[in-house]
Amino acid sequence: MKRGRDAAELERVYAEHLDAVYAFFAYSVDAATAEDLAAATFVRVIRAWKRYDASKAGERTWILSIARNLLTDHYRRGKHRQAVSLDEHAGLLDVVAVDDGDWEQRTLDQAELRSWLAVLGEREREVVALRYAGDLSAEEIATLLGLSAANVHQIVSRTLRKLREANR
């Protein structure tokens, strides 16, 4: 009977966090690789579920730390491509707007944002991916990356400013 509850709980966790995990990977790798890494993340989540401690981190933070480790391993193996995929990034598309001179804001399309993200450093891209794709708070990102929340806010702010100015 307990086994059924664990399975139901894991199904809930998968349903609630899959989109964020996929979106996190899609900031750095192509769609097919993002799907593979997201699947591998949840394999690890299932294997480690009994060790999850809610007093140390929220579910999404814990799951994205697993995803981040997988992405690091992926880079170390040298199998990544240089392209940035934005198939699932409406959140960041809505945040980054530019001034067209007539005081109206416009939202960037995916092709524009893809070219902008390509100029970011790995750390900037990772923080922005965790914030907008992973939907983590600055405090959760700080815990995950070993930074202060103020530093995370500063990185996000500077990165968004850099993205806004990139195409002026």
N, C-alpha and C. Protein backbone atom coordinates (compact mmCIF):
# COMPACT_ATOMS: atom_id res chain seq x y z
N MET A 1 0.81 -1.19 0.00
CA MET A 1 0.00 0.00 0.00
C MET A 1 0.86 1.26 0.00
N LYS A 2 1.93 1.29 0.80
CA LYS A 2 2.82 2.44 0.81
C LYS A 2 3.45 2.65 -0.57
N ARG A 3 3.73 1.56 -1.24
CA ARG A 3 4.32 1.63 -2.58
C ARG A 3 3.40 2.40 -3.52
N GLY A 4 2.11 2.22 -3.41
CA GLY A 4 1.16 2.95 -4.24
C GLY A 4 1.17 4.44 -3.96
N ARG A 5 1.31 4.81 -2.69
CA ARG A 5 1.39 6.23 -2.33
C ARG A 5 2.66 6.85 -2.88
N ASP A 6 3.78 6.13 -2.79
CA ASP A 6 5.04 6.65 -3.34
C ASP A 6 4.91 6.87 -4.85
N ALA A 7 4.29 5.92 -5.54
CA ALA A 7 4.12 6.05 -6.99
C ALA A 7 3.24 7.25 -7.32
N ALA A 8 2.17 7.42 -6.57
CA ALA A 8 1.29 8.57 -6.81
C ALA A 8 2.01 9.88 -6.53
N GLU A 9 2.81 9.90 -5.48
CA GLU A 9 3.57 11.11 -5.14
C GLU A 9 4.59 11.43 -6.23
N LEU A 10 5.27 10.43 -6.75
CA LEU A 10 6.24 10.64 -7.82
C LEU A 10 5.56 11.09 -9.11
N GLU A 11 4.39 10.58 -9.38
CA GLU A 11 3.64 11.04 -10.55
C GLU A 11 3.29 12.52 -10.41
N ARG A 12 2.90 12.93 -9.21
CA ARG A 12 2.59 14.34 -8.96
C ARG A 12 3.84 15.21 -9.15
N VAL A 13 4.95 14.77 -8.58
CA VAL A 13 6.21 15.52 -8.68
C VAL A 13 6.60 15.65 -10.15
N TYR A 14 6.50 14.58 -10.90
CA TYR A 14 6.84 14.60 -12.32
C TYR A 14 5.94 15.60 -13.07
N ALA A 15 4.64 15.52 -12.84
CA ALA A 15 3.70 16.41 -13.53
C ALA A 15 3.94 17.87 -13.18
N GLU A 16 4.25 18.15 -11.92
CA GLU A 16 4.43 19.54 -11.48
C GLU A 16 5.75 20.15 -11.95
N HIS A 17 6.78 19.35 -12.14
CA HIS A 17 8.11 19.91 -12.36
C HIS A 17 8.73 19.61 -13.72
N LEU A 18 8.11 18.78 -14.53
CA LEU A 18 8.69 18.42 -15.82
C LEU A 18 8.92 19.64 -16.72
N ASP A 19 7.93 20.50 -16.84
CA ASP A 19 8.07 21.66 -17.73
C ASP A 19 9.24 22.55 -17.31
N ALA A 20 9.39 22.77 -16.01
CA ALA A 20 10.49 23.61 -15.53
C ALA A 20 11.85 22.97 -15.79
N VAL A 21 11.93 21.66 -15.60
CA VAL A 21 13.19 20.96 -15.84
C VAL A 21 13.54 21.01 -17.32
N TYR A 22 12.57 20.73 -18.18
CA TYR A 22 12.83 20.79 -19.62
C TYR A 22 13.25 22.20 -20.03
N ALA A 23 12.53 23.19 -19.55
CA ALA A 23 12.85 24.58 -19.91
C ALA A 23 14.25 24.96 -19.43
N PHE A 24 14.64 24.51 -18.25
CA PHE A 24 15.99 24.77 -17.75
C PHE A 24 17.03 24.25 -18.73
N PHE A 25 16.86 23.03 -19.20
CA PHE A 25 17.82 22.45 -20.15
C PHE A 25 17.76 23.15 -21.50
N ALA A 26 16.58 23.57 -21.92
CA ALA A 26 16.41 24.16 -23.24
C ALA A 26 17.13 25.49 -23.38
N TYR A 27 17.52 26.12 -22.28
CA TYR A 27 18.32 27.33 -22.36
C TYR A 27 19.72 27.05 -22.86
N SER A 28 20.18 25.82 -22.72
CA SER A 28 21.58 25.52 -23.00
C SER A 28 21.81 24.49 -24.10
N VAL A 29 20.81 23.66 -24.38
CA VAL A 29 21.01 22.59 -25.36
C VAL A 29 19.81 22.53 -26.30
N ASP A 30 19.94 21.78 -27.36
CA ASP A 30 18.85 21.64 -28.33
C ASP A 30 17.69 20.86 -27.71
N ALA A 31 16.54 20.89 -28.36
CA ALA A 31 15.31 20.31 -27.81
C ALA A 31 15.43 18.81 -27.55
N ALA A 32 16.02 18.08 -28.45
CA ALA A 32 16.15 16.63 -28.26
C ALA A 32 17.03 16.31 -27.05
N THR A 33 18.12 17.03 -26.92
CA THR A 33 19.00 16.81 -25.77
C THR A 33 18.31 17.22 -24.48
N ALA A 34 17.55 18.33 -24.53
CA ALA A 34 16.80 18.77 -23.35
C ALA A 34 15.81 17.69 -22.90
N GLU A 35 15.15 17.06 -23.86
CA GLU A 35 14.22 15.98 -23.52
C GLU A 35 14.96 14.81 -22.87
N ASP A 36 16.10 14.44 -23.44
CA ASP A 36 16.88 13.33 -22.88
C ASP A 36 17.35 13.65 -21.47
N LEU A 37 17.85 14.86 -21.27
CA LEU A 37 18.34 15.25 -19.95
C LEU A 37 17.21 15.36 -18.93
N ALA A 38 16.05 15.84 -19.37
CA ALA A 38 14.90 15.91 -18.47
C ALA A 38 14.48 14.50 -18.04
N ALA A 39 14.47 13.57 -18.97
CA ALA A 39 14.12 12.19 -18.64
C ALA A 39 15.15 11.61 -17.66
N ALA A 40 16.42 11.86 -17.92
CA ALA A 40 17.47 11.36 -17.03
C ALA A 40 17.35 11.98 -15.63
N THR A 41 16.94 13.23 -15.59
CA THR A 41 16.75 13.90 -14.29
C THR A 41 15.71 13.16 -13.47
N PHE A 42 14.59 12.82 -14.09
CA PHE A 42 13.52 12.16 -13.34
C PHE A 42 13.86 10.71 -13.00
N VAL A 43 14.72 10.08 -13.77
CA VAL A 43 15.21 8.76 -13.37
C VAL A 43 15.98 8.90 -12.06
N ARG A 44 16.83 9.92 -11.98
CA ARG A 44 17.59 10.16 -10.75
C ARG A 44 16.68 10.57 -9.60
N VAL A 45 15.65 11.37 -9.90
CA VAL A 45 14.70 11.77 -8.86
C VAL A 45 14.03 10.54 -8.27
N ILE A 46 13.59 9.63 -9.12
CA ILE A 46 12.93 8.41 -8.65
C ILE A 46 13.87 7.59 -7.77
N ARG A 47 15.10 7.45 -8.22
CA ARG A 47 16.07 6.65 -7.45
C ARG A 47 16.40 7.29 -6.11
N ALA A 48 16.39 8.62 -6.04
CA ALA A 48 16.81 9.32 -4.82
C ALA A 48 15.64 9.83 -3.99
N TRP A 49 14.42 9.56 -4.40
CA TRP A 49 13.24 10.16 -3.75
C TRP A 49 13.21 9.93 -2.24
N LYS A 50 13.57 8.76 -1.78
CA LYS A 50 13.52 8.46 -0.35
C LYS A 50 14.53 9.30 0.44
N ARG A 51 15.54 9.84 -0.23
CA ARG A 51 16.55 10.67 0.45
C ARG A 51 16.19 12.15 0.41
N TYR A 52 15.14 12.52 -0.30
CA TYR A 52 14.74 13.93 -0.38
C TYR A 52 14.33 14.42 1.01
N ASP A 53 14.87 15.58 1.40
CA ASP A 53 14.58 16.17 2.71
C ASP A 53 13.99 17.56 2.49
N ALA A 54 12.69 17.69 2.71
CA ALA A 54 11.99 18.95 2.47
C ALA A 54 12.49 20.07 3.39
N SER A 55 13.12 19.74 4.49
CA SER A 55 13.63 20.78 5.39
C SER A 55 14.88 21.45 4.83
N LYS A 56 15.53 20.82 3.87
CA LYS A 56 16.75 21.39 3.27
C LYS A 56 16.48 22.21 2.02
N ALA A 57 15.47 21.82 1.25
CA ALA A 57 15.16 22.53 0.00
C ALA A 57 13.77 22.13 -0.47
N GLY A 58 13.15 23.01 -1.23
CA GLY A 58 11.87 22.69 -1.85
C GLY A 58 12.07 21.65 -2.94
N GLU A 59 10.97 21.03 -3.34
CA GLU A 59 11.06 19.99 -4.38
C GLU A 59 11.71 20.51 -5.65
N ARG A 60 11.23 21.66 -6.13
CA ARG A 60 11.75 22.17 -7.40
C ARG A 60 13.23 22.48 -7.29
N THR A 61 13.66 23.07 -6.18
CA THR A 61 15.08 23.37 -5.99
C THR A 61 15.90 22.09 -5.99
N TRP A 62 15.43 21.09 -5.28
CA TRP A 62 16.13 19.80 -5.22
C TRP A 62 16.22 19.16 -6.60
N ILE A 63 15.10 19.15 -7.31
CA ILE A 63 15.06 18.54 -8.65
C ILE A 63 15.96 19.31 -9.62
N LEU A 64 15.93 20.64 -9.56
CA LEU A 64 16.77 21.42 -10.46
C LEU A 64 18.25 21.31 -10.09
N SER A 65 18.57 21.00 -8.86
CA SER A 65 19.98 20.76 -8.52
C SER A 65 20.44 19.46 -9.18
N ILE A 66 19.56 18.47 -9.23
CA ILE A 66 19.88 17.24 -9.96
C ILE A 66 20.04 17.55 -11.45
N ALA A 67 19.14 18.35 -11.99
CA ALA A 67 19.21 18.73 -13.40
C ALA A 67 20.51 19.49 -13.70
N ARG A 68 20.87 20.39 -12.81
CA ARG A 68 22.09 21.18 -13.00
C ARG A 68 23.32 20.26 -13.01
N ASN A 69 23.35 19.29 -12.12
CA ASN A 69 24.47 18.34 -12.11
C ASN A 69 24.52 17.53 -13.41
N LEU A 70 23.37 17.14 -13.91
CA LEU A 70 23.33 16.41 -15.19
C LEU A 70 23.83 17.28 -16.33
N LEU A 71 23.46 18.55 -16.33
CA LEU A 71 23.92 19.45 -17.39
C LEU A 71 25.43 19.64 -17.31
N THR A 72 25.95 19.76 -16.10
CA THR A 72 27.40 19.87 -15.92
C THR A 72 28.09 18.63 -16.46
N ASP A 73 27.55 17.46 -16.13
CA ASP A 73 28.12 16.21 -16.65
C ASP A 73 28.04 16.17 -18.18
N HIS A 74 26.93 16.63 -18.71
CA HIS A 74 26.75 16.65 -20.17
C HIS A 74 27.83 17.52 -20.82
N TYR A 75 28.07 18.71 -20.26
CA TYR A 75 29.11 19.58 -20.80
C TYR A 75 30.48 18.93 -20.68
N ARG A 76 30.74 18.30 -19.57
CA ARG A 76 32.04 17.66 -19.38
C ARG A 76 32.29 16.57 -20.42
N ARG A 77 31.24 15.91 -20.81
CA ARG A 77 31.38 14.87 -21.84
C ARG A 77 31.56 15.47 -23.22
N GLY A 78 31.31 16.76 -23.36
CA GLY A 78 31.54 17.43 -24.63
C GLY A 78 30.51 17.12 -25.69
N LYS A 79 29.31 16.71 -25.30
CA LYS A 79 28.31 16.35 -26.29
C LYS A 79 27.32 17.49 -26.56
N HIS A 80 27.56 18.65 -25.98
CA HIS A 80 26.59 19.74 -26.18
C HIS A 80 26.85 20.46 -27.49
N ARG A 81 25.83 21.12 -27.93
CA ARG A 81 25.93 21.95 -29.14
C ARG A 81 25.96 23.40 -28.71
N GLN A 82 26.45 24.26 -29.56
CA GLN A 82 26.56 25.67 -29.22
C GLN A 82 25.25 26.42 -29.33
N ALA A 83 24.25 25.85 -29.95
CA ALA A 83 22.97 26.54 -30.14
C ALA A 83 22.19 26.64 -28.84
N VAL A 84 21.40 27.69 -28.72
CA VAL A 84 20.52 27.89 -27.58
C VAL A 84 19.10 27.66 -28.05
N SER A 85 18.39 26.76 -27.40
CA SER A 85 17.02 26.45 -27.78
C SER A 85 16.04 27.19 -26.89
N LEU A 86 15.00 27.77 -27.49
CA LEU A 86 14.01 28.51 -26.72
C LEU A 86 12.60 28.05 -27.04
N ASP A 87 12.42 26.79 -27.31
CA ASP A 87 11.11 26.29 -27.68
C ASP A 87 10.06 26.51 -26.60
N GLU A 88 10.47 26.54 -25.34
CA GLU A 88 9.50 26.61 -24.24
C GLU A 88 9.76 27.80 -23.32
N HIS A 89 10.12 28.96 -23.83
CA HIS A 89 10.54 30.04 -22.95
C HIS A 89 9.69 31.29 -23.03
N ALA A 90 8.41 31.14 -22.98
CA ALA A 90 7.54 32.30 -23.02
C ALA A 90 7.78 33.22 -21.83
N GLY A 91 8.14 32.68 -20.68
CA GLY A 91 8.38 33.49 -19.49
C GLY A 91 9.45 34.53 -19.68
N LEU A 92 10.58 34.13 -20.22
CA LEU A 92 11.67 35.08 -20.44
C LEU A 92 11.35 35.99 -21.62
N LEU A 93 10.67 35.47 -22.61
CA LEU A 93 10.29 36.31 -23.74
C LEU A 93 9.43 37.48 -23.27
N ASP A 94 8.59 37.25 -22.26
CA ASP A 94 7.75 38.32 -21.74
C ASP A 94 8.52 39.32 -20.91
N VAL A 95 9.62 38.90 -20.29
CA VAL A 95 10.37 39.77 -19.40
C VAL A 95 11.29 40.71 -20.16
N VAL A 96 11.92 40.22 -21.21
CA VAL A 96 12.89 41.01 -21.94
C VAL A 96 12.17 41.79 -23.04
N ALA A 97 12.09 43.08 -22.86
CA ALA A 97 11.45 43.94 -23.85
C ALA A 97 12.43 45.06 -24.19
N VAL A 98 12.27 45.61 -25.36
CA VAL A 98 13.15 46.70 -25.76
C VAL A 98 12.31 47.92 -26.10
N ASP A 99 12.94 49.07 -26.02
CA ASP A 99 12.28 50.33 -26.33
C ASP A 99 12.51 50.63 -27.80
N ASP A 100 11.45 50.74 -28.55
CA ASP A 100 11.56 51.02 -29.98
C ASP A 100 11.63 52.51 -30.27
N GLY A 101 11.77 53.33 -29.25
CA GLY A 101 11.87 54.76 -29.47
C GLY A 101 10.54 55.47 -29.37
N ASP A 102 9.44 54.77 -29.52
CA ASP A 102 8.14 55.41 -29.42
C ASP A 102 7.48 55.09 -28.08
N TRP A 103 8.28 54.69 -27.09
CA TRP A 103 7.85 54.42 -25.73
C TRP A 103 6.92 53.22 -25.62
N GLU A 104 6.76 52.46 -26.67
CA GLU A 104 5.99 51.24 -26.58
C GLU A 104 6.95 50.07 -26.43
N GLN A 105 6.56 49.14 -25.63
CA GLN A 105 7.39 47.96 -25.43
C GLN A 105 6.93 46.87 -26.40
N ARG A 106 7.90 46.11 -26.88
CA ARG A 106 7.54 44.96 -27.69
C ARG A 106 8.21 43.75 -27.09
N THR A 107 7.60 42.62 -27.26
CA THR A 107 8.17 41.37 -26.77
C THR A 107 9.04 40.78 -27.87
N LEU A 108 10.19 40.25 -27.47
CA LEU A 108 11.08 39.62 -28.43
C LEU A 108 10.51 38.31 -28.92
N ASP A 109 10.73 37.99 -30.19
CA ASP A 109 10.33 36.66 -30.65
C ASP A 109 11.46 35.69 -30.32
N GLN A 110 11.21 34.41 -30.52
CA GLN A 110 12.19 33.40 -30.12
C GLN A 110 13.50 33.51 -30.88
N ALA A 111 13.46 33.87 -32.14
CA ALA A 111 14.70 33.98 -32.92
C ALA A 111 15.59 35.09 -32.37
N GLU A 112 14.98 36.23 -32.03
CA GLU A 112 15.75 37.33 -31.45
C GLU A 112 16.35 36.93 -30.11
N LEU A 113 15.53 36.33 -29.26
CA LEU A 113 16.01 35.96 -27.94
C LEU A 113 17.09 34.90 -28.03
N ARG A 114 16.97 33.97 -28.95
CA ARG A 114 17.99 32.93 -29.15
C ARG A 114 19.34 33.58 -29.46
N SER A 115 19.35 34.58 -30.32
CA SER A 115 20.62 35.23 -30.65
C SER A 115 21.16 36.01 -29.46
N TRP A 116 20.28 36.60 -28.68
CA TRP A 116 20.73 37.35 -27.50
C TRP A 116 21.32 36.42 -26.44
N LEU A 117 20.67 35.30 -26.18
CA LEU A 117 21.17 34.39 -25.15
C LEU A 117 22.51 33.78 -25.54
N ALA A 118 22.77 33.68 -26.82
CA ALA A 118 24.04 33.12 -27.28
C ALA A 118 25.23 33.97 -26.84
N VAL A 119 25.02 35.25 -26.56
CA VAL A 119 26.13 36.12 -26.14
C VAL A 119 26.37 36.10 -24.64
N LEU A 120 25.49 35.44 -23.89
CA LEU A 120 25.66 35.38 -22.44
C LEU A 120 26.70 34.35 -22.05
N GLY A 121 27.32 34.61 -20.93
CA GLY A 121 28.23 33.63 -20.37
C GLY A 121 27.46 32.48 -19.75
N GLU A 122 28.16 31.42 -19.45
CA GLU A 122 27.52 30.22 -18.90
C GLU A 122 26.82 30.53 -17.57
N ARG A 123 27.46 31.28 -16.69
CA ARG A 123 26.86 31.60 -15.39
C ARG A 123 25.62 32.46 -15.55
N GLU A 124 25.68 33.46 -16.43
CA GLU A 124 24.51 34.31 -16.67
C GLU A 124 23.35 33.49 -17.21
N ARG A 125 23.64 32.64 -18.18
CA ARG A 125 22.60 31.81 -18.78
C ARG A 125 22.00 30.86 -17.74
N GLU A 126 22.86 30.30 -16.89
CA GLU A 126 22.38 29.37 -15.87
C GLU A 126 21.46 30.07 -14.87
N VAL A 127 21.85 31.24 -14.40
CA VAL A 127 21.03 31.97 -13.44
C VAL A 127 19.70 32.38 -14.06
N VAL A 128 19.73 32.87 -15.28
CA VAL A 128 18.50 33.26 -15.97
C VAL A 128 17.62 32.04 -16.23
N ALA A 129 18.23 30.92 -16.59
CA ALA A 129 17.46 29.70 -16.83
C ALA A 129 16.79 29.21 -15.55
N LEU A 130 17.52 29.25 -14.44
CA LEU A 130 16.93 28.83 -13.17
C LEU A 130 15.80 29.77 -12.76
N ARG A 131 15.97 31.06 -13.02
CA ARG A 131 14.96 32.04 -12.61
C ARG A 131 13.71 31.97 -13.48
N TYR A 132 13.87 31.98 -14.79
CA TYR A 132 12.71 32.08 -15.68
C TYR A 132 12.21 30.75 -16.20
N ALA A 133 13.08 29.78 -16.39
CA ALA A 133 12.62 28.46 -16.83
C ALA A 133 12.29 27.60 -15.62
N GLY A 134 13.17 27.64 -14.62
CA GLY A 134 12.95 26.83 -13.43
C GLY A 134 12.00 27.47 -12.44
N ASP A 135 11.73 28.75 -12.61
CA ASP A 135 10.82 29.50 -11.74
C ASP A 135 11.25 29.43 -10.29
N LEU A 136 12.56 29.50 -10.06
CA LEU A 136 13.08 29.52 -8.69
C LEU A 136 13.23 30.95 -8.23
N SER A 137 13.11 31.15 -6.93
CA SER A 137 13.32 32.48 -6.35
C SER A 137 14.82 32.73 -6.27
N ALA A 138 15.20 33.98 -6.02
CA ALA A 138 16.61 34.32 -5.87
C ALA A 138 17.23 33.55 -4.71
N GLU A 139 16.48 33.37 -3.65
CA GLU A 139 16.99 32.64 -2.49
C GLU A 139 17.24 31.17 -2.83
N GLU A 140 16.34 30.57 -3.59
CA GLU A 140 16.52 29.18 -3.99
C GLU A 140 17.70 29.02 -4.93
N ILE A 141 17.86 29.96 -5.86
CA ILE A 141 19.01 29.92 -6.78
C ILE A 141 20.30 30.11 -6.00
N ALA A 142 20.29 31.03 -5.05
CA ALA A 142 21.47 31.28 -4.22
C ALA A 142 21.90 30.01 -3.48
N THR A 143 20.94 29.31 -2.92
CA THR A 143 21.22 28.07 -2.21
C THR A 143 21.81 27.03 -3.16
N LEU A 144 21.21 26.92 -4.33
CA LEU A 144 21.64 25.93 -5.31
C LEU A 144 23.05 26.20 -5.83
N LEU A 145 23.36 27.48 -6.07
CA LEU A 145 24.65 27.83 -6.69
C LEU A 145 25.72 28.27 -5.69
N GLY A 146 25.36 28.35 -4.42
CA GLY A 146 26.34 28.78 -3.42
C GLY A 146 26.65 30.26 -3.50
N LEU A 147 25.64 31.05 -3.84
CA LEU A 147 25.78 32.51 -3.93
C LEU A 147 24.88 33.15 -2.89
N SER A 148 24.99 34.46 -2.75
CA SER A 148 24.03 35.17 -1.90
C SER A 148 22.82 35.55 -2.76
N ALA A 149 21.69 35.74 -2.11
CA ALA A 149 20.49 36.16 -2.84
C ALA A 149 20.73 37.51 -3.52
N ALA A 150 21.45 38.39 -2.85
CA ALA A 150 21.75 39.70 -3.44
C ALA A 150 22.57 39.55 -4.72
N ASN A 151 23.50 38.61 -4.71
CA ASN A 151 24.32 38.36 -5.89
C ASN A 151 23.48 37.82 -7.04
N VAL A 152 22.53 36.96 -6.72
CA VAL A 152 21.63 36.41 -7.75
C VAL A 152 20.80 37.54 -8.34
N HIS A 153 20.24 38.41 -7.49
CA HIS A 153 19.46 39.56 -7.99
C HIS A 153 20.33 40.42 -8.90
N GLN A 154 21.57 40.63 -8.51
CA GLN A 154 22.48 41.46 -9.31
C GLN A 154 22.77 40.80 -10.67
N ILE A 155 23.01 39.50 -10.67
CA ILE A 155 23.29 38.79 -11.93
C ILE A 155 22.08 38.87 -12.85
N VAL A 156 20.88 38.63 -12.31
CA VAL A 156 19.67 38.69 -13.13
C VAL A 156 19.48 40.10 -13.68
N SER A 157 19.63 41.09 -12.82
CA SER A 157 19.44 42.48 -13.25
C SER A 157 20.43 42.86 -14.35
N ARG A 158 21.69 42.58 -14.14
CA ARG A 158 22.71 42.91 -15.14
C ARG A 158 22.51 42.14 -16.43
N THR A 159 22.11 40.88 -16.31
CA THR A 159 21.89 40.07 -17.51
C THR A 159 20.72 40.59 -18.31
N LEU A 160 19.62 40.93 -17.64
CA LEU A 160 18.47 41.49 -18.36
C LEU A 160 18.82 42.82 -19.01
N ARG A 161 19.59 43.65 -18.30
CA ARG A 161 20.03 44.93 -18.88
C ARG A 161 20.92 44.67 -20.10
N LYS A 162 21.81 43.69 -19.98
CA LYS A 162 22.69 43.33 -21.10
C LYS A 162 21.87 42.85 -22.30
N LEU A 163 20.84 42.06 -22.04
CA LEU A 163 19.99 41.58 -23.12
C LEU A 163 19.20 42.72 -23.76
N ARG A 164 18.73 43.65 -22.96
CA ARG A 164 17.97 44.79 -23.50
C ARG A 164 18.85 45.69 -24.36
N GLU A 165 20.09 45.86 -23.94
CA GLU A 165 21.00 46.76 -24.66
C GLU A 165 21.66 46.09 -25.86
N ALA A 166 21.60 44.78 -25.93
CA ALA A 166 22.30 44.04 -26.98
C ALA A 166 21.84 44.39 -28.38
N ASN A 167 20.62 44.80 -28.54
CA ASN A 167 20.07 45.03 -29.87
C ASN A 167 19.69 46.48 -30.12
N ARG A 168 20.16 47.37 -29.30
CA ARG A 168 19.80 48.79 -29.49
C ARG A 168 20.55 49.40 -30.61
